C-alpha cells in the first residue's frame, strides 16, 4: 500500500523543519566563530620577539594558518582562517619571507602577508674576488635558488652589497652584478684622464683589477695605478705578483705558499713578469675606487713598489732604491718566520 498524501506532506514538513534547525545551529556557530575571531583581530599576538618566516609559493590559506600557529606567530589557526576569509576582498596572501614583529595582531599578520613586503636580505661581495670565489660565495648564500649555468667573464661582476629576497635565483643576482659593473665602468671611463696608455674601457677594467689585488690601502690605489701607467708608457713589464698568482692557480686567485722562481717563469699570458703590457683579461672584480684609480692615476715618478710590512707599500723611483726596500721587506719576512 502507498502512503496517503497527508502523511507524505507531514514527513516533508518535519524534514524541512529539521534542516532549518540544523542550518540555524550552523549559522549560529559560524556567527559565533566570526565574533570570536573578530574579538582577536586587533589583540596582541603570542610572539615574544620579531620572527621571519618563509611562506611557500602556492600554499593554501589553511596551510599558511597552520604554519603560522606552529611558528607561534598566531595563537589560533582557526581565528586566522576566519579573519582572512572575512577580509578576502583586500587581496590574496603572498608567498615569500616575511618578518612579523613581536606581539603582532591578526590584523598585522594578514596585512603583512598581503603587502608583498618581503624581508630584504643582503649579500656583501668583497672587492678583489675572482669569479670562482664569487660563485662559491653565492653557492653558500641562504635563500638563493638555482645554479649559474655559465660562469660570467672574469671582472664582469661589481663587488658591492646586494639586496635580495628569499627565493631569488643566483642567475638573477649575477645579472644584476654584471649590469652594475657595466654602469660603474662607464661612469669611471667618462671621468678618465687624458693621454692614458690604453684606449678602451676593458683595458681600464683589467688595470683596475690589478690595482685592486695589489693593495688594500685606499689611499694607495691611485699611486699604485700611477706606477703601472708609468711602466706601460715606458714599455716595461708590469711585474705584478697577483697576475702570477692568477696564472698559477688557474683563476682561483689565492695561494697558500709564497711565489716561487718557477711561478715567475711560468709561460702563461697572465704572467706579467714574462709578458709585457696588460694581461688578456681582468684577474679579479675591482671596486669603484680601483676603477677610478685606473682611469685617473696619481701623478708619480715612481716605477717600483714593495710591501712595507705594515699593510702598505714603499714606492721607489729607481731600481737601486727599490732593491733596498726589497731587502728590508725580506728581512721582515725572515723575522716573522722565526717568530712563527
Protein backbone atom coordinates (compact mmCIF):
# COMPACT_ATOMS: atom_id res chain seq x y z
CA UNK A 1 0.00 0.00 0.00
CA UNK A 2 1.17 3.59 -0.63
CA UNK A 3 1.12 6.34 2.00
CA UNK A 4 -1.65 8.84 1.82
CA UNK A 5 -0.86 12.36 0.56
CA UNK A 6 -1.38 13.94 4.07
CA UNK A 7 1.25 11.57 5.53
CA UNK A 8 3.79 12.45 2.81
CA UNK A 9 3.21 16.16 3.41
CA UNK A 10 3.76 15.70 7.14
CA UNK A 11 7.09 13.97 6.65
CA UNK A 12 8.25 16.71 4.26
CA UNK A 13 7.31 19.41 6.79
CA UNK A 14 9.28 17.62 9.53
CA UNK A 15 12.30 17.20 7.21
CA UNK A 16 12.27 20.87 6.29
CA UNK A 17 11.94 21.89 9.90
CA UNK A 18 14.88 19.69 10.88
CA UNK A 19 17.02 21.06 8.10
CA UNK A 20 16.13 24.60 9.09
CA UNK A 21 17.11 23.83 12.67
CA UNK A 22 20.47 22.39 11.52
CA UNK A 23 21.16 25.45 9.35
CA UNK A 24 20.24 27.73 12.21
CA UNK A 25 22.66 25.96 14.52
CA UNK A 26 25.39 26.05 11.84
CA UNK A 27 24.75 29.73 11.20
CA UNK A 28 24.86 30.44 14.90
CA UNK A 29 28.13 28.52 15.14
CA UNK A 30 29.64 30.39 12.20
CA UNK A 31 28.49 33.70 13.62
CA UNK A 32 29.92 32.75 16.97
CA UNK A 33 33.23 31.79 15.35
CA UNK A 34 33.23 35.05 13.43
CA UNK A 35 32.58 37.09 16.59
CA UNK A 36 35.31 35.10 18.36
CA UNK A 37 37.80 35.80 15.56
CA UNK A 38 36.83 39.48 15.41
CA UNK A 39 37.50 39.71 19.11
CA UNK A 40 41.08 38.57 18.49
CA UNK A 41 41.66 40.59 15.29
CA UNK A 42 43.42 43.53 16.93
CA UNK A 43 44.54 41.76 20.10
CA UNK A 44 48.32 41.35 20.66
CA UNK A 45 49.63 38.05 19.32
CA UNK A 46 51.82 35.46 21.04
CA UNK A 47 55.22 36.33 19.51
CA UNK A 48 57.74 37.34 22.16
CA UNK A 49 60.18 38.79 19.61
CA UNK A 50 60.34 39.51 15.88
CA UNK A 51 60.48 36.43 13.70
CA UNK A 52 60.91 35.82 9.99
CA UNK A 53 59.00 33.05 8.27
CA UNK A 54 59.07 31.74 4.70
CA UNK A 55 55.62 31.19 3.18
CA UNK A 56 55.96 28.65 0.35
CA UNK A 57 54.72 29.54 -3.13
CA UNK A 58 51.29 28.05 -3.83
CA UNK A 59 50.47 27.33 -0.17
CA UNK A 60 46.73 27.18 0.64
CA UNK A 61 45.34 29.54 3.26
CA UNK A 62 44.69 26.62 5.62
CA UNK A 63 48.32 25.50 5.30
CA UNK A 64 49.53 29.06 5.95
CA UNK A 65 47.32 29.24 9.04
CA UNK A 66 48.79 26.00 10.41
CA UNK A 67 52.32 27.18 9.65
CA UNK A 68 51.74 30.47 11.46
CA UNK A 69 50.30 28.73 14.50
CA UNK A 70 53.14 26.19 14.61
CA UNK A 71 55.68 29.02 14.46
CA UNK A 72 53.95 30.92 17.24
CA UNK A 73 53.08 33.88 15.03
CA UNK A 74 49.33 33.49 15.69
CA UNK A 75 47.64 31.89 18.67
CA UNK A 76 44.99 30.01 16.73
CA UNK A 77 44.89 28.86 13.12
CA UNK A 78 41.07 28.91 13.01
CA UNK A 79 40.95 32.55 14.04
CA UNK A 80 43.45 33.38 11.30
CA UNK A 81 41.34 31.49 8.72
CA UNK A 82 38.16 33.30 9.70
CA UNK A 83 39.87 36.70 9.70
CA UNK A 84 41.49 36.02 6.32
CA UNK A 85 38.12 34.93 4.88
CA UNK A 86 36.30 37.97 6.29
CA UNK A 87 38.84 40.35 4.74
CA UNK A 88 39.40 38.44 1.48
CA UNK A 89 38.43 41.42 -0.66
CA UNK A 90 41.68 43.13 0.45
CA UNK A 91 43.69 40.73 -1.71
CA UNK A 92 45.47 37.36 -1.69
CA UNK A 93 48.08 36.18 0.77
CA UNK A 94 51.51 36.20 -0.84
CA UNK A 95 54.50 33.88 -0.76
CA UNK A 96 57.98 34.83 0.36
CA UNK A 97 59.93 35.56 3.52
CA UNK A 98 58.09 37.92 5.87
CA UNK A 99 59.16 39.48 9.17
CA UNK A 100 56.49 39.59 11.89
CA UNK A 101 57.06 41.96 14.82
CA UNK A 102 56.70 40.93 18.43
CA UNK A 103 53.07 40.73 19.64
CA UNK A 104 51.78 41.10 16.05
CA UNK A 105 47.98 41.03 15.91
CA UNK A 106 45.95 39.02 13.42
CA UNK A 107 45.34 42.24 11.50
CA UNK A 108 49.08 42.97 11.35
CA UNK A 109 49.96 39.41 10.28
CA UNK A 110 47.35 39.35 7.50
CA UNK A 111 48.30 42.82 6.25
CA UNK A 112 51.96 41.81 6.18
CA UNK A 113 51.18 38.72 4.10
CA UNK A 114 49.10 40.75 1.67
CA UNK A 115 51.59 43.62 1.34
CA UNK A 116 54.25 41.65 -0.54
CA UNK A 117 56.92 43.46 1.51
CA UNK A 118 59.30 40.55 1.89
CA UNK A 119 62.44 40.54 4.02
CA UNK A 120 65.35 42.21 2.23
CA UNK A 121 68.45 40.08 2.71
CA UNK A 122 71.91 41.41 1.89
CA UNK A 123 74.97 39.78 0.42
CA UNK A 124 78.31 41.60 0.55
CA UNK A 125 80.71 40.72 -2.26
CA UNK A 126 84.18 41.99 -1.26
CA UNK A 127 86.39 43.76 -3.77
CA UNK A 128 89.12 41.68 -5.37
CA UNK A 129 87.37 38.31 -5.56
CA UNK A 130 87.62 36.21 -8.70
CA UNK A 131 84.58 34.85 -10.50
CA UNK A 132 85.27 31.42 -8.98
CA UNK A 133 85.27 32.90 -5.48
CA UNK A 134 82.09 34.89 -6.09
CA UNK A 135 80.25 31.84 -7.42
CA UNK A 136 81.35 29.87 -4.34
CA UNK A 137 80.02 32.69 -2.15
CA UNK A 138 76.67 32.57 -3.96
CA UNK A 139 76.50 28.79 -3.53
CA UNK A 140 76.79 29.27 0.25
CA UNK A 141 74.24 32.10 0.45
CA UNK A 142 70.99 31.10 2.15
CA UNK A 143 67.74 31.82 0.34
CA UNK A 144 69.07 31.93 -3.22
CA UNK A 145 67.86 29.29 -5.68
CA UNK A 146 69.18 27.54 -8.76
CA UNK A 147 72.67 27.39 -10.20
CA UNK A 148 74.69 29.56 -12.56
CA UNK A 149 74.81 27.63 -15.82
CA UNK A 150 77.70 29.55 -17.40
CA UNK A 151 80.30 31.39 -15.30
CA UNK A 152 80.43 35.07 -16.28
CA UNK A 153 83.65 36.61 -17.62
CA UNK A 154 86.35 37.50 -15.10
CA UNK A 155 86.00 41.04 -13.79
CA UNK A 156 82.41 41.45 -15.02
CA UNK A 157 80.75 41.41 -11.57
CA UNK A 158 80.57 44.53 -9.40
CA UNK A 159 81.63 43.88 -5.80
CA UNK A 160 79.11 45.62 -3.56
CA UNK A 161 76.43 44.82 -1.01
CA UNK A 162 73.46 43.42 -2.92
CA UNK A 163 69.88 43.17 -1.62
CA UNK A 164 67.83 40.10 -2.46
CA UNK A 165 64.73 38.27 -1.29
CA UNK A 166 64.28 34.64 -0.31
CA UNK A 167 63.68 32.61 -3.46
CA UNK A 168 65.59 34.91 -5.84
CA UNK A 169 67.74 32.99 -8.29
CA UNK A 170 71.52 33.09 -8.37
CA UNK A 171 71.29 33.83 -12.09
CA UNK A 172 69.23 36.96 -11.40
CA UNK A 173 71.77 38.23 -8.86
CA UNK A 174 74.64 37.56 -11.28
CA UNK A 175 72.75 39.52 -13.93
CA UNK A 176 72.35 42.50 -11.58
CA UNK A 177 76.04 42.36 -10.66
CA UNK A 178 77.03 42.39 -14.33
CA UNK A 179 74.75 45.33 -15.04
CA UNK A 180 76.21 47.11 -12.02
CA UNK A 181 79.77 46.66 -13.31
CA UNK A 182 78.79 47.89 -16.77
CA UNK A 183 77.36 51.09 -15.23
CA UNK A 184 80.28 51.60 -12.84
CA UNK A 185 82.86 51.12 -15.61
CA UNK A 186 81.02 53.53 -17.92
CA UNK A 187 80.87 56.14 -15.15
CA UNK A 188 84.58 55.78 -14.43
CA UNK A 189 85.55 55.83 -18.11
CA UNK A 190 83.65 59.08 -18.59
CA UNK A 191 85.98 60.66 -15.99
CA UNK A 192 89.23 59.34 -17.48
CA UNK A 193 92.35 61.46 -17.68
CA UNK A 194 93.95 62.45 -20.96
CA UNK A 195 96.82 60.56 -22.57
CA UNK A 196 96.35 57.22 -20.84
CA UNK A 197 98.49 54.38 -22.27
CA UNK A 198 95.37 52.36 -23.10
CA UNK A 199 92.34 53.11 -25.23
CA UNK A 200 89.31 51.09 -24.11
CA UNK A 201 87.13 50.67 -21.02
CA UNK A 202 88.04 46.96 -20.98
CA UNK A 203 91.73 47.80 -20.66
CA UNK A 204 90.85 50.13 -17.80
CA UNK A 205 88.95 47.27 -16.16
CA UNK A 206 91.97 44.99 -16.48
CA UNK A 207 94.29 47.56 -14.89
CA UNK A 208 91.74 48.26 -12.13
CA UNK A 209 91.63 44.56 -11.28
CA UNK A 210 95.42 44.50 -10.83
CA UNK A 211 95.30 47.62 -8.67
CA UNK A 212 92.57 46.02 -6.56
CA UNK A 213 94.66 42.94 -5.88
CA UNK A 214 97.90 44.85 -5.28
CA UNK A 215 96.77 46.99 -2.36
CA UNK A 216 94.07 47.03 0.28
CA UNK A 217 95.02 50.57 1.36
CA UNK A 218 92.54 53.01 -0.14
CA UNK A 219 94.99 55.93 -0.14
CA UNK A 220 97.47 53.91 -2.23
CA UNK A 221 95.24 52.92 -5.13
CA UNK A 222 95.90 56.00 -7.24
CA UNK A 223 99.65 55.78 -6.68
CA UNK A 224 99.79 52.05 -7.50
CA UNK A 225 97.87 52.79 -10.70
CA UNK A 226 100.34 55.60 -11.42
CA UNK A 227 103.28 53.19 -11.17
CA UNK A 228 101.66 50.76 -13.63
CA UNK A 229 100.77 53.59 -16.03
CA UNK A 230 104.41 54.75 -15.92
CA UNK A 231 105.55 51.20 -16.75
CA UNK A 232 103.09 50.87 -19.60
CA UNK A 233 104.28 54.16 -21.09
CA UNK A 234 107.92 53.00 -20.95
CA UNK A 235 107.18 49.54 -22.32
CA UNK A 236 108.32 47.93 -19.07
CA UNK A 237 106.70 44.70 -17.84
CA UNK A 238 104.18 45.31 -15.08
CA UNK A 239 105.71 42.54 -12.91
CA UNK A 240 102.59 42.24 -10.77
CA UNK A 241 102.60 39.32 -8.34
CA UNK A 242 98.77 38.97 -8.32
CA UNK A 243 98.81 38.27 -12.07
CA UNK A 244 101.29 35.45 -11.45
CA UNK A 245 99.08 34.03 -8.70
CA UNK A 246 96.08 34.18 -11.03
CA UNK A 247 98.03 32.30 -13.70
CA UNK A 248 99.44 29.64 -11.36
CA UNK A 249 96.11 28.94 -9.62
CA UNK A 250 94.08 28.72 -12.82
CA UNK A 251 91.98 31.75 -11.98
CA UNK A 252 91.34 30.99 -8.31
CA UNK A 253 93.42 33.96 -7.20
CA UNK A 254 94.75 32.67 -3.85
CA UNK A 255 97.85 30.66 -2.90
CA UNK A 256 98.82 29.02 0.37
CA UNK A 257 102.55 29.50 -0.23
CA UNK A 258 104.95 32.22 -1.37
CA UNK A 259 105.53 32.82 -5.07
CA UNK A 260 108.47 30.80 -6.35
CA UNK A 261 111.02 31.43 -9.09
CA UNK A 262 109.27 28.78 -11.16
CA UNK A 263 106.00 30.70 -10.79
CA UNK A 264 107.64 33.88 -12.09
CA UNK A 265 108.98 31.96 -15.08
CA UNK A 266 105.66 30.24 -15.89
CA UNK A 267 104.66 30.58 -19.54
CA UNK A 268 101.16 31.99 -19.13
CA UNK A 269 99.58 35.05 -20.81
CA UNK A 270 98.59 36.45 -17.40
CA UNK A 271 102.18 36.33 -16.14
CA UNK A 272 103.23 39.99 -16.34
CA UNK A 273 106.80 39.10 -15.44
CA UNK A 274 107.10 37.17 -18.68
CA UNK A 275 104.76 39.16 -20.95
CA UNK A 276 104.72 42.93 -21.34
CA UNK A 277 101.59 45.04 -21.32
CA UNK A 278 98.25 44.28 -19.74
CA UNK A 279 97.15 40.66 -19.35
CA UNK A 280 94.38 39.43 -21.67
CA UNK A 281 91.60 39.59 -19.03
CA UNK A 282 90.97 41.06 -15.59
CA UNK A 283 92.26 38.97 -12.69
CA UNK A 284 89.51 39.87 -10.20
CA UNK A 285 86.49 42.08 -9.58
CA UNK A 286 87.62 45.67 -8.91
CA UNK A 287 85.53 48.04 -6.84
CA UNK A 288 84.52 51.56 -7.84
CA UNK A 289 87.58 53.15 -6.18
CA UNK A 290 90.00 50.97 -8.15
CA UNK A 291 88.12 51.67 -11.39
CA UNK A 292 88.51 55.39 -10.79
CA UNK A 293 92.19 54.97 -9.82
CA UNK A 294 92.87 53.14 -13.09
CA UNK A 295 91.44 55.94 -15.25
CA UNK A 296 92.68 58.81 -13.08
CA UNK A 297 96.05 57.56 -11.82
CA UNK A 298 98.08 59.63 -9.42
CA UNK A 299 100.91 61.58 -11.00
CA UNK A 300 104.12 59.99 -9.67
CA UNK A 301 107.69 59.40 -10.78
CA UNK A 302 107.78 56.02 -9.01
CA UNK A 303 108.40 52.93 -11.10
CA UNK A 304 108.53 50.33 -8.32
CA UNK A 305 106.81 49.40 -5.07
CA UNK A 306 107.14 46.64 -2.50
CA UNK A 307 105.37 45.77 0.75
CA UNK A 308 106.49 47.74 3.82
CA UNK A 309 105.49 45.08 6.36
CA UNK A 310 102.66 47.16 7.81
CA UNK A 311 99.98 46.63 5.19
CA UNK A 312 101.17 49.32 2.80
CA UNK A 313 103.97 49.76 0.29
CA UNK A 314 107.27 51.56 -0.22
CA UNK A 315 107.41 53.36 -3.57
CA UNK A 316 110.71 53.94 -5.37
CA UNK A 317 111.89 55.93 -8.39
CA UNK A 318 114.99 53.91 -9.15
CA UNK A 319 115.93 50.26 -9.17
CA UNK A 320 118.61 50.94 -6.54
CA UNK A 321 116.03 52.42 -4.15
CA UNK A 322 113.69 49.56 -4.87
CA UNK A 323 116.33 46.92 -4.16
CA UNK A 324 116.99 48.46 -0.75
CA UNK A 325 113.24 48.42 0.00
CA UNK A 326 113.04 44.79 -1.12
CA UNK A 327 115.94 43.88 1.19
CA UNK A 328 114.13 45.47 4.13
CA UNK A 329 110.94 43.56 3.27
CA UNK A 330 112.77 40.25 3.05
CA UNK A 331 114.37 40.90 6.44
CA UNK A 332 110.87 41.47 7.87
CA UNK A 333 109.70 38.21 6.32
CA UNK A 334 112.62 36.28 7.80
CA UNK A 335 111.94 37.72 11.24
CA UNK A 336 108.28 36.77 11.02
CA UNK A 337 109.14 33.21 10.03
CA UNK A 338 111.44 32.91 13.04
CA UNK A 339 108.69 34.18 15.35
CA UNK A 340 106.22 31.65 13.96
